[in-house]
Amino acid sequence: MDLNNVLSQLDAANEEQIEKLLQQFNRENSHTFIFEQKEETLRSKLCQTVLTVLGRQVQPSCQRTCLETLRILSRDKRVLAPVATREGMLVLGGLAGLHAAEEEDDNQRSSQEDTQSEEEERVVVEALKCLCNVVYNSPAAQQVSVDVQLAHGLCASMRKARTWHHEVGLFTLRLLFLLSALRPDLRGVLRREWHAVRLLAEVLEHTLDVHWVGPYEAARPDPQALPMPAEDNERAMEALKASFNLTLSYNGGEEDDHQFRLIAAILRHLLMLKTETEEKTEEAHSHAVNLLNNLPVSCLDILINVPVQGGQEKYGGKNMDAVQVLLDFMEKRIDKQGSNFKEGLTPVLSLLTEGSRHHREIRRYIKAQVLPPLKDVKIRPEIGTTIRNKLVRLMTHVDMGVKQTAAEFLFVLCKESDNLLKYTGYGNAAGLLVARGLLAGGRGETQYSEDEDSDTEEYKSAKPFINPITGHVEEPMPNPIEEMTDEQKEYEAQKLVNMFDKLSRQNVIRPMGVRPDGTLAPLEETLCEPPEENSGSDSD
């Protein structure tokens, strides 16, 4: 479609003609995401023309068509200058129902929105989609959004029930997520002045259909209930992502403790839900894990402080259902072929580590699942299909972050003591022990209860024969010189001497000695140093 021709016709067209012209453009470009650079100026002029039309009093059908055109054009970040202005953003914000600048009566506004036609609601959705594209692609638009208090309008929109049940809510939440991600300076204002964290928690409550039966205790989902619909799941994910941004690096105060514990209870409810597909359920669990990591670790007791069905007396009567879901999620992430462990696995490992470090019942439950009492010690700890084997393999992963997180998790399960070595061997644990300064033995700084693990009889009987480096019982190796004659032994010994001499002359290795103060030094230096006089010794 010739843009010069479109622009020339738009200048003299009436509303109906404008709509037809733009509809044709939209059909031809609905799947276009990469545009030719030579028409950049023309597309920028089209943006300005469409904004001018939207600034008039035109019918909702024409508004929607114009917004569809603008949404397509906003995929190109190079043509957004006309939109990324105060006037342009106010036009889009007004069409999206984001009344940040006006102090209109809430009841009056709600009444007006309740009577909106389906066509008018589609206009709101298209305007929100445009804003998402423009804010994502234009730093200038991000700044204007702050200046016109677009986020304030988003929070006002979230207070309306329609946000929780319609497509409007999805893009309202997505826009809030983008603004809080791209403008970290907005997060404090959103939390303090516009109470966005509380509003997002309310959105999650309604979307996930949470019914409270006690303080921080949601009613259990009905096992026979249908899976959560895809639309609700998608809306919940956007709310979780925005909540993650707003709680990132924020410890809160005493007044926030209730809100954090409420969020923890909602997330526990979410962990127990199923969606229409296993992939979507895993995505929901991933976002729940990320947000739980932002909450104070003291709030994690909410995950287990609910009535138990089936009995968990040995864990203080705590309910470990949610913890088991997290363990299952962790193992799925380990088993996922070609996955990015740093992004996909380390958050849940960190969450379970901190939960185990600060909550005794959580640690004891996870320890029983991950590091059960040892029985068969004939196989190296990193070989096998158990969760212990998989985690020990991660202790030597090429990614330093993954390696350290996996090692720290197992270390905490062992109460930050060298008891870890019996499950992993020195070889796998050496990196952690060196990093923590515990290679010679000792414990971490966390205080744990005094109860000790008991070893199985099988482990006790095999313990004297376990190689401490590999962590398993090795088959006796044949003695290579047993069958040699004395001449062969002498020949092999001379070969070894010659090899050491050659390596020494090439400075590949250097013979070392011990100084009188106990430190190591090159052998020639230690031989040249006079012996230290011992003034306190008796002479003959």
Foldseek 3Di string as FASTA:
>chain_A
DDLVVLVVQLVPDDLVVVLVSLVVVCVVQVPPLDDDPVCLVSLLVLLLSLLVVLVDPDDLSSLLSSLSSLLSSLSDLSNCVNLLDLSNLVSLLVLLQLPQPDPDDLVVSLVVVVPDDPSSVSSNLSSLSSLLSNLQRDPSSLVSCVVSVSVLSLLSVLVDPVLLPDSSVLSSLLNLLSSLVVPVVCLVCCCPPSVLLVSLLVSLCSLLVWDDPDQLATDADDPPDDAREPVSLSSNLSSLSSNLSNLAPPADDPVCPSSLLNLLSSLLNLLRGGHPDPVSSLSSPLSSLSNLLSYPLVSNLSNFPDQDDPDDVVLVRTHCPSVVSLVVSLLCQLPDPPDDCVSRHLSSLVSLLSNVLPRVSSLVVVCCQQPNADAAQADFLLDDDGNSNSLLVQCPDPDPSSNQSSLSSLCVSQVQWPVSLLNRACQSNVVVCVVQVANVTDGDDRDDDPDDDDHDPNCVVCVVQADRHRNGRYDDDDDPCPPPDPVVVVVVVVVVVVVVVVCCVVVVDFDWDAAPVGDIDGPVVRVPDDDDDDPPDDDD
